[in-house]
Amino acid sequence: MITKYAGTLLFAGMATIQVAGDMAKIDALVVGFEDGYPIPNIKVMASFDNDNGWNAWTESAPINHDTQITDIHGRCRLSGKTNNGEVGCWVDFKQQGYYGSGIGFKLKKKNIFGVWQPDNLVATIKLQRVEHPIPLFVKQFTDVASDSVRLDLFAKGNGRLQLDLLKGEWLPPVGNGEYADVVFTRLPREDLGVGTNARGVKAPSYRDSMSVKFIGDGNGIVEVSCSKDAGIKIRNAPLDGYRQDYLCWKERMKNLKHSSHYDDCRNFAFRIRTEFDVKGKVKSAHYGKIYGDIDFKKMFGVGVMAVAAPSFLYYLNPTPNDRNLEWDMKNNLCPNPGDIGSPKP
């Protein structure tokens, strides 16, 4: 409905087939992400959705919009008619110098006056200020929307893939990259024995793994903790804490349920091509970030290959010693970025 906006809040309620809607109200509170202080003079928008029953096959249902400006307390009230209780509320941060986020509620029922309840809900939208957005090199390796690929990339690289992050290219024999910043290695399947599920069915349990190693002293990744609601998750790369190795794994456990290392909320900063001075301090390095963890995809075919290709989205600042990773979401320095999805700062 409104997924093109950042800071979207979605409210799910009871569905009906009437087009005529009843009134719904929502209070928006806009505050700073880090300090929680109210932010005045922010344009907040809301949409109040409607179902139109069988007419949905031939025409779209009407959507009622409302726009208000926050007062000195960072508050405003938005209202409109909806027949299903679905309300969206957001801040168009692109025009206002902020990155947005928020949380949602559910409208459950209507009172005798036809007003959706509860009527005292407050949608708190947390904003982070846009500071120093710059062009970055952004690339997606292997589509994250699919669990499988058509090509066993590891087979082309004899089980080992080397990646030039500054060029965004695999090294030969897979591509024309020149410098190995990170190496991905397909590991043999681990036999975990025979498993049994709750119904007594028996089947093999196992683990498939892929190792990730950043090459060179001082290079590596560091996990950066951030709120799930953050508009920008990594603004600047850390100075230290980088480790060279990371393990990706997926397994069928003894109870035959599947488990994985993968966490979509996990984010990393990374450092490559680090050089040190005579005192052991970093003299030169390149910094980047990875949103949404590192993963691997399997390949279906005559034989199923569980570890066929690495998958991850990375951002890289090509300027040495610049730890700024705030992307302007307009200028991608990568000539072949792949499908990076919706821009994220």
C-alpha atoms as a PDB file:
ATOM      1  CA  MET A   1       0.000   0.000   0.000  1.00  0.00           C
ATOM      2  CA  ILE A   2       2.646   2.517   1.048  1.00  0.00           C
ATOM      3  CA  THR A   3       5.839   0.502   0.972  1.00  0.00           C
ATOM      4  CA  LYS A   4       7.602   3.118  -1.152  1.00  0.00           C
ATOM      5  CA  TYR A   5       7.781   5.361   1.908  1.00  0.00           C
ATOM      6  CA  ALA A   6      10.297   5.001   4.717  1.00  0.00           C
ATOM      7  CA  GLY A   7       9.143   4.927   8.301  1.00  0.00           C
ATOM      8  CA  THR A   8       5.942   3.126   7.303  1.00  0.00           C
ATOM      9  CA  LEU A   9       3.618   2.087  10.090  1.00  0.00           C
ATOM     10  CA  LEU A  10       1.020  -0.541   9.308  1.00  0.00           C
ATOM     11  CA  PHE A  11      -2.109  -1.117  11.338  1.00  0.00           C
ATOM     12  CA  ALA A  12      -4.100  -4.297  10.744  1.00  0.00           C
ATOM     13  CA  GLY A  13      -7.751  -4.522  11.702  1.00  0.00           C
ATOM     14  CA  MET A  14     -10.931  -6.384  10.839  1.00  0.00           C
ATOM     15  CA  ALA A  15     -11.702  -6.722   7.134  1.00  0.00           C
ATOM     16  CA  THR A  16     -15.094  -5.884   5.675  1.00  0.00           C
ATOM     17  CA  ILE A  17     -16.382  -5.658   2.134  1.00  0.00           C
ATOM     18  CA  GLN A  18     -18.109  -2.293   2.416  1.00  0.00           C
ATOM     19  CA  VAL A  19     -16.582   0.655   0.630  1.00  0.00           C
ATOM     20  CA  ALA A  20     -18.116   3.275   2.913  1.00  0.00           C
ATOM     21  CA  GLY A  21     -15.665   3.700   5.789  1.00  0.00           C
ATOM     22  CA  ASP A  22     -15.799   4.933   9.363  1.00  0.00           C
ATOM     23  CA  MET A  23     -13.499   7.406  11.032  1.00  0.00           C
ATOM     24  CA  ALA A  24     -10.102   6.396  12.383  1.00  0.00           C
ATOM     25  CA  LYS A  25      -7.645   8.631  14.209  1.00  0.00           C
ATOM     26  CA  ILE A  26      -3.981   8.304  15.049  1.00  0.00           C
ATOM     27  CA  ASP A  27      -1.613  10.604  16.917  1.00  0.00           C
ATOM     28  CA  ALA A  28       1.946  10.813  15.598  1.00  0.00           C
ATOM     29  CA  LEU A  29       4.873  11.669  17.843  1.00  0.00           C
ATOM     30  CA  VAL A  30       8.111  12.461  16.013  1.00  0.00           C
ATOM     31  CA  VAL A  31      11.318  12.320  18.070  1.00  0.00           C
ATOM     32  CA  GLY A  32      15.072  12.076  17.581  1.00  0.00           C
ATOM     33  CA  PHE A  33      16.298   8.492  17.318  1.00  0.00           C
ATOM     34  CA  GLU A  34      19.255   8.910  19.657  1.00  0.00           C
ATOM     35  CA  ASP A  35      17.999  11.468  22.204  1.00  0.00           C
ATOM     36  CA  GLY A  36      14.201  11.079  22.088  1.00  0.00           C
ATOM     37  CA  TYR A  37      13.613  14.844  21.897  1.00  0.00           C
ATOM     38  CA  PRO A  38      10.490  15.964  19.993  1.00  0.00           C
ATOM     39  CA  ILE A  39      11.021  17.346  16.494  1.00  0.00           C
ATOM     40  CA  PRO A  40       8.667  20.162  15.393  1.00  0.00           C
ATOM     41  CA  ASN A  41       7.684  21.216  11.862  1.00  0.00           C
ATOM     42  CA  ILE A  42       7.853  17.713  10.379  1.00  0.00           C
ATOM     43  CA  LYS A  43       5.345  16.767   7.693  1.00  0.00           C
ATOM     44  CA  VAL A  44       3.627  13.513   8.656  1.00  0.00           C
ATOM     45  CA  MET A  45       1.409  11.639   6.219  1.00  0.00           C
ATOM     46  CA  ALA A  46      -1.153   8.904   6.723  1.00  0.00           C
ATOM     47  CA  SER A  47      -3.353   6.742   4.533  1.00  0.00           C
ATOM     48  CA  PHE A  48      -6.608   5.108   5.622  1.00  0.00           C
ATOM     49  CA  ASP A  49      -7.269   2.017   3.557  1.00  0.00           C
ATOM     50  CA  ASN A  50     -10.551   0.565   2.306  1.00  0.00           C
ATOM     51  CA  ASP A  51     -11.632  -2.790   0.894  1.00  0.00           C
ATOM     52  CA  ASN A  52     -14.135  -2.699  -1.940  1.00  0.00           C
ATOM     53  CA  GLY A  53     -15.200  -6.332  -1.902  1.00  0.00           C
ATOM     54  CA  TRP A  54     -15.828  -8.028  -5.247  1.00  0.00           C
ATOM     55  CA  ASN A  55     -15.151  -4.738  -7.022  1.00  0.00           C
ATOM     56  CA  ALA A  56     -11.450  -5.310  -6.282  1.00  0.00           C
ATOM     57  CA  TRP A  57     -11.339  -7.512  -9.406  1.00  0.00           C
ATOM     58  CA  THR A  58     -12.010  -4.499 -11.629  1.00  0.00           C
ATOM     59  CA  GLU A  59     -11.071  -1.371  -9.703  1.00  0.00           C
ATOM     60  CA  SER A  60      -8.907  -0.171  -6.871  1.00  0.00           C
ATOM     61  CA  ALA A  61     -10.442   0.758  -3.562  1.00  0.00           C
ATOM     62  CA  PRO A  62     -10.281   4.397  -2.494  1.00  0.00           C
ATOM     63  CA  ILE A  63      -7.574   5.477  -0.056  1.00  0.00           C
ATOM     64  CA  ASN A  64      -8.095   8.489   2.173  1.00  0.00           C
ATOM     65  CA  HIS A  65      -4.980  10.538   2.884  1.00  0.00           C
ATOM     66  CA  ASP A  66      -4.211  13.076   5.562  1.00  0.00           C
ATOM     67  CA  THR A  67      -1.153  15.289   6.071  1.00  0.00           C
ATOM     68  CA  GLN A  68      -0.292  17.257   9.191  1.00  0.00           C
ATOM     69  CA  ILE A  69       2.688  19.177  10.601  1.00  0.00           C
ATOM     70  CA  THR A  70       4.107  18.382  14.032  1.00  0.00           C
ATOM     71  CA  ASP A  71       3.778  21.094  16.690  1.00  0.00           C
ATOM     72  CA  ILE A  72       6.446  22.254  19.139  1.00  0.00           C
ATOM     73  CA  HIS A  73       5.912  19.018  21.078  1.00  0.00           C
ATOM     74  CA  GLY A  74       6.559  16.902  17.975  1.00  0.00           C
ATOM     75  CA  ARG A  75       2.902  15.827  17.796  1.00  0.00           C
ATOM     76  CA  CYS A  76       0.080  15.885  15.295  1.00  0.00           C
ATOM     77  CA  ARG A  77      -3.250  14.061  14.796  1.00  0.00           C
ATOM     78  CA  LEU A  78      -4.240  12.426  11.528  1.00  0.00           C
ATOM     79  CA  SER A  79      -7.663  11.100  10.630  1.00  0.00           C
ATOM     80  CA  GLY A  80      -9.580   9.545   7.763  1.00  0.00           C
ATOM     81  CA  LYS A  81     -12.218   6.988   6.855  1.00  0.00           C
ATOM     82  CA  THR A  82     -11.415   3.268   6.589  1.00  0.00           C
ATOM     83  CA  ASN A  83     -13.625   0.184   6.441  1.00  0.00           C
ATOM     84  CA  ASN A  84     -10.947  -2.339   7.443  1.00  0.00           C
ATOM     85  CA  GLY A  85      -8.967  -0.549  10.129  1.00  0.00           C
ATOM     86  CA  GLU A  86      -5.733  -0.455   8.113  1.00  0.00           C
ATOM     87  CA  VAL A  87      -3.839   2.783   8.630  1.00  0.00           C
ATOM     88  CA  GLY A  88      -0.383   3.743   7.398  1.00  0.00           C
ATOM     89  CA  CYS A  89       1.622   6.610   8.892  1.00  0.00           C
ATOM     90  CA  TRP A  90       5.054   7.788   7.734  1.00  0.00           C
ATOM     91  CA  VAL A  91       7.496  10.634   7.281  1.00  0.00           C
ATOM     92  CA  ASP A  92       8.892  11.345   3.836  1.00  0.00           C
ATOM     93  CA  PHE A  93      12.421  11.767   5.162  1.00  0.00           C
ATOM     94  CA  LYS A  94      13.953  12.279   1.718  1.00  0.00           C
ATOM     95  CA  GLN A  95      12.497  15.761   1.596  1.00  0.00           C
ATOM     96  CA  GLN A  96      13.091  16.719   5.199  1.00  0.00           C
ATOM     97  CA  GLY A  97      16.675  15.785   5.980  1.00  0.00           C
ATOM     98  CA  TYR A  98      15.975  12.746   8.164  1.00  0.00           C
ATOM     99  CA  TYR A  99      15.966   8.966   8.058  1.00  0.00           C
ATOM    100  CA  GLY A 100      12.716   7.586   9.449  1.00  0.00           C
ATOM    101  CA  SER A 101      11.422   4.591  11.354  1.00  0.00           C
ATOM    102  CA  GLY A 102       8.433   3.724  13.496  1.00  0.00           C
ATOM    103  CA  ILE A 103       6.236   1.160  15.219  1.00  0.00           C
ATOM    104  CA  GLY A 104       2.646   0.079  14.611  1.00  0.00           C
ATOM    105  CA  PHE A 105      -0.579  -0.835  16.374  1.00  0.00           C
ATOM    106  CA  LYS A 106      -3.842  -2.605  15.582  1.00  0.00           C
ATOM    107  CA  LEU A 107      -7.269  -1.047  15.348  1.00  0.00           C
ATOM    108  CA  LYS A 108      -9.666  -3.734  16.590  1.00  0.00           C
ATOM    109  CA  LYS A 109     -13.241  -2.498  16.688  1.00  0.00           C
ATOM    110  CA  LYS A 110     -15.568   0.462  16.265  1.00  0.00           C
ATOM    111  CA  ASN A 111     -17.621   2.250  18.894  1.00  0.00           C
ATOM    112  CA  ILE A 112     -21.309   3.100  18.586  1.00  0.00           C
ATOM    113  CA  PHE A 113     -20.385   6.324  16.793  1.00  0.00           C
ATOM    114  CA  GLY A 114     -18.559   4.459  14.029  1.00  0.00           C
ATOM    115  CA  VAL A 115     -15.075   5.502  15.190  1.00  0.00           C
ATOM    116  CA  TRP A 116     -12.328   2.865  15.019  1.00  0.00           C
ATOM    117  CA  GLN A 117     -10.936   1.973  18.452  1.00  0.00           C
ATOM    118  CA  PRO A 118      -8.733   2.386  20.351  1.00  0.00           C
ATOM    119  CA  ASP A 119      -8.821   6.105  19.649  1.00  0.00           C
ATOM    120  CA  ASN A 120      -5.820   7.125  21.755  1.00  0.00           C
ATOM    121  CA  LEU A 121      -3.020   5.395  19.829  1.00  0.00           C
ATOM    122  CA  VAL A 122       0.295   7.178  19.428  1.00  0.00           C
ATOM    123  CA  ALA A 123       2.615   6.228  16.570  1.00  0.00           C
ATOM    124  CA  THR A 124       6.135   7.147  17.636  1.00  0.00           C
ATOM    125  CA  ILE A 125       8.314   7.860  14.602  1.00  0.00           C
ATOM    126  CA  LYS A 126      12.026   8.068  15.352  1.00  0.00           C
ATOM    127  CA  LEU A 127      14.201  10.049  12.979  1.00  0.00           C
ATOM    128  CA  GLN A 128      17.951  10.180  12.407  1.00  0.00           C
ATOM    129  CA  ARG A 129      19.358  13.295  10.839  1.00  0.00           C
ATOM    130  CA  VAL A 130      20.922  13.078   7.377  1.00  0.00           C
ATOM    131  CA  GLU A 131      24.528  14.144   7.965  1.00  0.00           C
ATOM    132  CA  HIS A 132      27.091  13.477   5.233  1.00  0.00           C
ATOM    133  CA  PRO A 133      25.620  11.268   2.475  1.00  0.00           C
ATOM    134  CA  ILE A 134      28.106  10.387  -0.274  1.00  0.00           C
ATOM    135  CA  PRO A 135      28.265   8.168  -3.370  1.00  0.00           C
ATOM    136  CA  LEU A 136      29.273   4.602  -2.526  1.00  0.00           C
ATOM    137  CA  PHE A 137      30.037   1.375  -4.353  1.00  0.00           C
ATOM    138  CA  VAL A 138      26.969  -0.809  -3.702  1.00  0.00           C
ATOM    139  CA  LYS A 139      26.571  -4.335  -5.029  1.00  0.00           C
ATOM    140  CA  GLN A 140      24.374  -7.371  -4.444  1.00  0.00           C
ATOM    141  CA  PHE A 141      25.921 -10.783  -5.030  1.00  0.00           C
ATOM    142  CA  THR A 142      23.252 -13.417  -5.731  1.00  0.00           C
ATOM    143  CA  ASP A 143      19.597 -12.450  -5.428  1.00  0.00           C
ATOM    144  CA  VAL A 144      18.416 -12.603  -1.822  1.00  0.00           C
ATOM    145  CA  ALA A 145      14.791 -13.174  -2.892  1.00  0.00           C
ATOM    146  CA  SER A 146      15.493 -16.757  -3.998  1.00  0.00           C
ATOM    147  CA  ASP A 147      16.805 -19.704  -1.994  1.00  0.00           C
ATOM    148  CA  SER A 148      18.506 -21.222  -5.020  1.00  0.00           C
ATOM    149  CA  VAL A 149      20.660 -20.359  -8.025  1.00  0.00           C
ATOM    150  CA  ARG A 150      20.976 -21.852 -11.490  1.00  0.00           C
ATOM    151  CA  LEU A 151      24.766 -22.014 -11.485  1.00  0.00           C
ATOM    152  CA  ASP A 152      27.105 -23.727  -9.054  1.00  0.00           C
ATOM    153  CA  LEU A 153      29.595 -20.898  -8.752  1.00  0.00           C
ATOM    154  CA  PHE A 154      31.828 -22.840  -6.380  1.00  0.00           C
ATOM    155  CA  ALA A 155      32.230 -25.571  -9.003  1.00  0.00           C
ATOM    156  CA  LYS A 156      33.658 -22.957 -11.402  1.00  0.00           C
ATOM    157  CA  GLY A 157      36.127 -21.889  -8.716  1.00  0.00           C
ATOM    158  CA  ASN A 158      37.023 -25.429  -7.641  1.00  0.00           C
ATOM    159  CA  GLY A 159      35.332 -24.908  -4.271  1.00  0.00           C
ATOM    160  CA  ARG A 160      37.049 -21.595  -3.572  1.00  0.00           C
ATOM    161  CA  LEU A 161      35.998 -18.089  -4.660  1.00  0.00           C
ATOM    162  CA  GLN A 162      38.143 -14.987  -4.333  1.00  0.00           C
ATOM    163  CA  LEU A 163      36.516 -11.559  -4.495  1.00  0.00           C
ATOM    164  CA  ASP A 164      37.923  -8.153  -5.397  1.00  0.00           C
ATOM    165  CA  LEU A 165      35.645  -5.831  -3.394  1.00  0.00           C
ATOM    166  CA  LEU A 166      36.910  -2.605  -4.985  1.00  0.00           C
ATOM    167  CA  LYS A 167      36.032  -3.907  -8.450  1.00  0.00           C
ATOM    168  CA  GLY A 168      33.081  -6.022  -7.389  1.00  0.00           C
ATOM    169  CA  GLU A 169      34.485  -8.929  -9.414  1.00  0.00           C
ATOM    170  CA  TRP A 170      35.453 -12.527  -8.727  1.00  0.00           C
ATOM    171  CA  LEU A 171      39.059 -13.400  -9.455  1.00  0.00           C
ATOM    172  CA  PRO A 172      39.921 -15.912 -12.231  1.00  0.00           C
ATOM    173  CA  PRO A 173      38.821 -18.455 -13.225  1.00  0.00           C
ATOM    174  CA  VAL A 174      35.356 -17.067 -12.392  1.00  0.00           C
ATOM    175  CA  GLY A 175      35.831 -13.353 -13.209  1.00  0.00           C
ATOM    176  CA  ASN A 176      38.401 -10.671 -13.963  1.00  0.00           C
ATOM    177  CA  GLY A 177      39.093  -9.369 -10.462  1.00  0.00           C
ATOM    178  CA  GLU A 178      42.700  -8.574  -9.573  1.00  0.00           C
ATOM    179  CA  TYR A 179      43.044  -8.403  -5.779  1.00  0.00           C
ATOM    180  CA  ALA A 180      41.706 -10.995  -3.339  1.00  0.00           C
ATOM    181  CA  ASP A 181      40.079  -9.093  -0.473  1.00  0.00           C
ATOM    182  CA  VAL A 182      37.929 -11.963   0.782  1.00  0.00           C
ATOM    183  CA  VAL A 183      37.867 -15.718   0.106  1.00  0.00           C
ATOM    184  CA  PHE A 184      34.772 -17.939   0.283  1.00  0.00           C
ATOM    185  CA  THR A 185      35.341 -21.682   0.684  1.00  0.00           C
ATOM    186  CA  ARG A 186      32.764 -24.466   0.350  1.00  0.00           C
ATOM    187  CA  LEU A 187      33.249 -26.921   3.214  1.00  0.00           C
ATOM    188  CA  PRO A 188      32.352 -30.635   3.103  1.00  0.00           C
ATOM    189  CA  ARG A 189      28.956 -31.618   4.477  1.00  0.00           C
ATOM    190  CA  GLU A 190      29.149 -32.758   8.123  1.00  0.00           C
ATOM    191  CA  ASP A 191      27.292 -35.964   8.928  1.00  0.00           C
ATOM    192  CA  LEU A 192      25.412 -35.472  12.208  1.00  0.00           C
ATOM    193  CA  GLY A 193      23.958 -38.967  12.287  1.00  0.00           C
ATOM    194  CA  VAL A 194      20.398 -40.197  11.978  1.00  0.00           C
ATOM    195  CA  GLY A 195      17.705 -37.857  13.234  1.00  0.00           C
ATOM    196  CA  THR A 196      14.131 -38.549  14.334  1.00  0.00           C
ATOM    197  CA  ASN A 197      11.223 -36.111  14.272  1.00  0.00           C
ATOM    198  CA  ALA A 198       8.215 -35.954  16.615  1.00  0.00           C
ATOM    199  CA  ARG A 199       6.293 -38.496  14.505  1.00  0.00           C
ATOM    200  CA  GLY A 200       9.095 -41.035  14.632  1.00  0.00           C
ATOM    201  CA  VAL A 201      10.272 -40.483  11.064  1.00  0.00           C
ATOM    202  CA  LYS A 202      14.002 -41.058  10.657  1.00  0.00           C
ATOM    203  CA  ALA A 203      16.302 -39.250   8.215  1.00  0.00           C
ATOM    204  CA  PRO A 204      19.911 -38.054   8.019  1.00  0.00           C
ATOM    205  CA  SER A 205      20.858 -34.936   9.965  1.00  0.00           C
ATOM    206  CA  TYR A 206      23.722 -32.829   8.631  1.00  0.00           C
ATOM    207  CA  ARG A 207      25.356 -29.413   8.420  1.00  0.00           C
ATOM    208  CA  ASP A 208      26.447 -27.495   5.278  1.00  0.00           C
ATOM    209  CA  SER A 209      28.940 -24.671   5.711  1.00  0.00           C
ATOM    210  CA  MET A 210      30.807 -21.902   3.912  1.00  0.00           C
ATOM    211  CA  SER A 211      33.830 -20.166   5.426  1.00  0.00           C
ATOM    212  CA  VAL A 212      34.488 -16.474   4.829  1.00  0.00           C
ATOM    213  CA  LYS A 213      38.003 -15.108   5.302  1.00  0.00           C
ATOM    214  CA  PHE A 214      39.269 -11.561   4.818  1.00  0.00           C
ATOM    215  CA  ILE A 215      42.860 -11.588   3.600  1.00  0.00           C
ATOM    216  CA  GLY A 216      45.648  -9.596   5.260  1.00  0.00           C
ATOM    217  CA  ASP A 217      46.478  -8.302   8.728  1.00  0.00           C
ATOM    218  CA  GLY A 218      44.039  -5.766  10.119  1.00  0.00           C
ATOM    219  CA  ASN A 219      41.323  -6.697   7.621  1.00  0.00           C
ATOM    220  CA  GLY A 220      38.004  -8.281   8.492  1.00  0.00           C
ATOM    221  CA  ILE A 221      34.455  -7.678   9.664  1.00  0.00           C
ATOM    222  CA  VAL A 222      32.927  -6.453  12.904  1.00  0.00           C
ATOM    223  CA  GLU A 223      29.275  -6.856  13.822  1.00  0.00           C
ATOM    224  CA  VAL A 224      27.621  -3.511  14.515  1.00  0.00           C
ATOM    225  CA  SER A 225      24.677  -3.529  16.901  1.00  0.00           C
ATOM    226  CA  CYS A 226      21.784  -1.276  15.939  1.00  0.00           C
ATOM    227  CA  SER A 227      18.085  -1.016  16.536  1.00  0.00           C
ATOM    228  CA  LYS A 228      15.783  -2.820  14.118  1.00  0.00           C
ATOM    229  CA  ASP A 229      13.950   0.490  13.666  1.00  0.00           C
ATOM    230  CA  ALA A 230      17.058   2.479  12.724  1.00  0.00           C
ATOM    231  CA  GLY A 231      16.729   4.422   9.487  1.00  0.00           C
ATOM    232  CA  ILE A 232      20.482   4.213   8.867  1.00  0.00           C
ATOM    233  CA  LYS A 233      22.107   1.223  10.516  1.00  0.00           C
ATOM    234  CA  ILE A 234      25.815   1.977  10.053  1.00  0.00           C
ATOM    235  CA  ARG A 235      26.865   5.587   9.539  1.00  0.00           C
ATOM    236  CA  ASN A 236      30.607   5.250  10.197  1.00  0.00           C
ATOM    237  CA  ALA A 237      32.880   2.212  10.319  1.00  0.00           C
ATOM    238  CA  PRO A 238      34.471   1.415  13.710  1.00  0.00           C
ATOM    239  CA  LEU A 239      38.199   1.937  14.250  1.00  0.00           C
ATOM    240  CA  ASP A 240      38.865  -1.549  15.619  1.00  0.00           C
ATOM    241  CA  GLY A 241      37.366  -4.923  16.518  1.00  0.00           C
ATOM    242  CA  TYR A 242      37.741  -6.476  13.053  1.00  0.00           C
ATOM    243  CA  ARG A 243      38.092 -10.256  12.742  1.00  0.00           C
ATOM    244  CA  GLN A 244      39.161 -12.106   9.628  1.00  0.00           C
ATOM    245  CA  ASP A 245      36.964 -15.222   9.770  1.00  0.00           C
ATOM    246  CA  TYR A 246      33.217 -15.826   9.642  1.00  0.00           C
ATOM    247  CA  LEU A 247      31.303 -19.101   9.263  1.00  0.00           C
ATOM    248  CA  CYS A 248      27.976 -19.493   7.464  1.00  0.00           C
ATOM    249  CA  TRP A 249      26.062 -22.719   8.107  1.00  0.00           C
ATOM    250  CA  LYS A 250      22.715 -24.418   7.636  1.00  0.00           C
ATOM    251  CA  GLU A 251      21.773 -27.725   9.216  1.00  0.00           C
ATOM    252  CA  ARG A 252      19.077 -30.327   9.656  1.00  0.00           C
ATOM    253  CA  MET A 253      19.136 -31.055  13.350  1.00  0.00           C
ATOM    254  CA  LYS A 254      18.546 -34.318  15.209  1.00  0.00           C
ATOM    255  CA  ASN A 255      14.827 -33.489  15.404  1.00  0.00           C
ATOM    256  CA  LEU A 256      14.896 -32.982  11.599  1.00  0.00           C
ATOM    257  CA  LYS A 257      14.087 -29.285  11.948  1.00  0.00           C
ATOM    258  CA  HIS A 258      16.208 -26.803  10.036  1.00  0.00           C
ATOM    259  CA  SER A 259      18.453 -24.202  11.614  1.00  0.00           C
ATOM    260  CA  SER A 260      20.832 -21.574  10.254  1.00  0.00           C
ATOM    261  CA  HIS A 261      23.379 -18.953  11.231  1.00  0.00           C
ATOM    262  CA  TYR A 262      21.512 -16.371   9.137  1.00  0.00           C
ATOM    263  CA  ASP A 263      20.027 -13.309  10.809  1.00  0.00           C
ATOM    264  CA  ASP A 264      18.453 -10.683   8.567  1.00  0.00           C
ATOM    265  CA  CYS A 265      18.963  -8.082  11.310  1.00  0.00           C
ATOM    266  CA  ARG A 266      22.709  -8.760  11.521  1.00  0.00           C
ATOM    267  CA  ASN A 267      24.916  -6.054   9.995  1.00  0.00           C
ATOM    268  CA  PHE A 268      28.676  -5.744   9.606  1.00  0.00           C
ATOM    269  CA  ALA A 269      31.275  -3.102   8.961  1.00  0.00           C
ATOM    270  CA  PHE A 270      34.394  -4.327   7.183  1.00  0.00           C
ATOM    271  CA  ARG A 271      37.924  -3.130   6.489  1.00  0.00           C
ATOM    272  CA  ILE A 272      40.175  -4.170   3.599  1.00  0.00           C
ATOM    273  CA  ARG A 273      43.659  -3.412   2.220  1.00  0.00           C
ATOM    274  CA  THR A 274      44.914  -2.204   5.588  1.00  0.00           C
ATOM    275  CA  GLU A 275      48.431  -0.817   5.815  1.00  0.00           C
ATOM    276  CA  PHE A 276      50.245  -0.017   9.065  1.00  0.00           C
ATOM    277  CA  ASP A 277      52.966   2.485   9.900  1.00  0.00           C
ATOM    278  CA  VAL A 278      56.131   1.613  11.820  1.00  0.00           C
ATOM    279  CA  LYS A 279      54.288   2.136  15.116  1.00  0.00           C
ATOM    280  CA  GLY A 280      51.572  -0.341  14.196  1.00  0.00           C
ATOM    281  CA  LYS A 281      48.852   2.227  13.577  1.00  0.00           C
ATOM    282  CA  VAL A 282      46.581   2.070  10.548  1.00  0.00           C
ATOM    283  CA  LYS A 283      48.120   4.141   7.782  1.00  0.00           C
ATOM    284  CA  SER A 284      45.677   3.322   5.020  1.00  0.00           C
ATOM    285  CA  ALA A 285      42.525   1.208   4.636  1.00  0.00           C
ATOM    286  CA  HIS A 286      39.193   0.991   2.827  1.00  0.00           C
ATOM    287  CA  TYR A 287      35.946   0.686   4.773  1.00  0.00           C
ATOM    288  CA  GLY A 288      32.533  -0.725   3.953  1.00  0.00           C
ATOM    289  CA  LYS A 289      29.418  -2.324   5.405  1.00  0.00           C
ATOM    290  CA  ILE A 290      27.214  -5.371   4.831  1.00  0.00           C
ATOM    291  CA  TYR A 291      23.480  -5.167   5.486  1.00  0.00           C
ATOM    292  CA  GLY A 292      21.522  -8.317   6.289  1.00  0.00           C
ATOM    293  CA  ASP A 293      24.233 -10.922   7.043  1.00  0.00           C
ATOM    294  CA  ILE A 294      26.271 -13.083   4.660  1.00  0.00           C
ATOM    295  CA  ASP A 295      24.567 -16.178   3.275  1.00  0.00           C
ATOM    296  CA  PHE A 296      24.905 -18.906   0.656  1.00  0.00           C
ATOM    297  CA  LYS A 297      22.434 -20.283  -1.868  1.00  0.00           C
ATOM    298  CA  LYS A 298      21.885 -23.845  -3.036  1.00  0.00           C
ATOM    299  CA  MET A 299      21.450 -25.135  -6.585  1.00  0.00           C
ATOM    300  CA  PHE A 300      18.757 -27.499  -7.798  1.00  0.00           C
ATOM    301  CA  GLY A 301      19.393 -29.833 -10.701  1.00  0.00           C
ATOM    302  CA  VAL A 302      20.382 -33.417 -11.339  1.00  0.00           C
ATOM    303  CA  GLY A 303      22.152 -33.288  -7.993  1.00  0.00           C
ATOM    304  CA  VAL A 304      21.274 -30.755  -5.282  1.00  0.00           C
ATOM    305  CA  MET A 305      24.321 -28.704  -4.262  1.00  0.00           C
ATOM    306  CA  ALA A 306      23.599 -27.145  -0.873  1.00  0.00           C
ATOM    307  CA  VAL A 307      26.429 -24.585  -1.040  1.00  0.00           C
ATOM    308  CA  ALA A 308      26.484 -23.179  -4.570  1.00  0.00           C
ATOM    309  CA  ALA A 309      27.054 -19.392  -4.347  1.00  0.00           C
ATOM    310  CA  PRO A 310      27.668 -16.687  -1.706  1.00  0.00           C
ATOM    311  CA  SER A 311      24.940 -14.087  -1.225  1.00  0.00           C
ATOM    312  CA  PHE A 312      25.289 -10.661   0.394  1.00  0.00           C
ATOM    313  CA  LEU A 313      24.795  -6.927  -0.131  1.00  0.00           C
ATOM    314  CA  TYR A 314      27.760  -4.654   0.492  1.00  0.00           C
ATOM    315  CA  TYR A 315      28.560  -0.947   0.472  1.00  0.00           C
ATOM    316  CA  LEU A 316      32.120   0.301   0.000  1.00  0.00           C
ATOM    317  CA  ASN A 317      33.699   3.723   0.322  1.00  0.00           C
ATOM    318  CA  PRO A 318      36.422   3.806  -2.378  1.00  0.00           C
ATOM    319  CA  THR A 319      38.258   6.696  -0.688  1.00  0.00           C
ATOM    320  CA  PRO A 320      41.142   5.433   1.487  1.00  0.00           C
ATOM    321  CA  ASN A 321      40.878   6.185   5.229  1.00  0.00           C
ATOM    322  CA  ASP A 322      37.336   7.561   4.927  1.00  0.00           C
ATOM    323  CA  ARG A 323      35.106   5.701   7.405  1.00  0.00           C
ATOM    324  CA  ASN A 324      31.935   7.483   6.273  1.00  0.00           C
ATOM    325  CA  LEU A 325      29.406   4.881   5.060  1.00  0.00           C
ATOM    326  CA  GLU A 326      26.316   7.092   4.719  1.00  0.00           C
ATOM    327  CA  TRP A 327      25.100   6.424   1.189  1.00  0.00           C
ATOM    328  CA  ASP A 328      23.207   9.170  -0.659  1.00  0.00           C
ATOM    329  CA  MET A 329      20.952   6.458  -2.212  1.00  0.00           C
ATOM    330  CA  LYS A 330      21.294   8.115  -5.636  1.00  0.00           C
ATOM    331  CA  ASN A 331      24.850   7.624  -6.853  1.00  0.00           C
ATOM    332  CA  ASN A 332      26.048   4.038  -7.039  1.00  0.00           C
ATOM    333  CA  LEU A 333      29.675   3.826  -8.164  1.00  0.00           C
ATOM    334  CA  CYS A 334      29.275   0.161  -9.149  1.00  0.00           C
ATOM    335  CA  PRO A 335      28.684  -0.275 -12.905  1.00  0.00           C
ATOM    336  CA  ASN A 336      26.948  -3.657 -12.393  1.00  0.00           C
ATOM    337  CA  PRO A 337      25.268  -3.504  -8.984  1.00  0.00           C
ATOM    338  CA  GLY A 338      22.796  -6.382  -9.364  1.00  0.00           C
ATOM    339  CA  ASP A 339      19.361  -6.132  -7.783  1.00  0.00           C
ATOM    340  CA  ILE A 340      19.988  -4.139  -4.595  1.00  0.00           C
ATOM    341  CA  GLY A 341      16.264  -3.722  -3.875  1.00  0.00           C
ATOM    342  CA  SER A 342      14.983  -0.539  -2.243  1.00  0.00           C
ATOM    343  CA  PRO A 343      17.791   1.948  -1.523  1.00  0.00           C
ATOM    344  CA  LYS A 344      18.970   1.963   2.093  1.00  0.00           C
ATOM    345  CA  PRO A 345      21.350   4.620   3.459  1.00  0.00           C
END
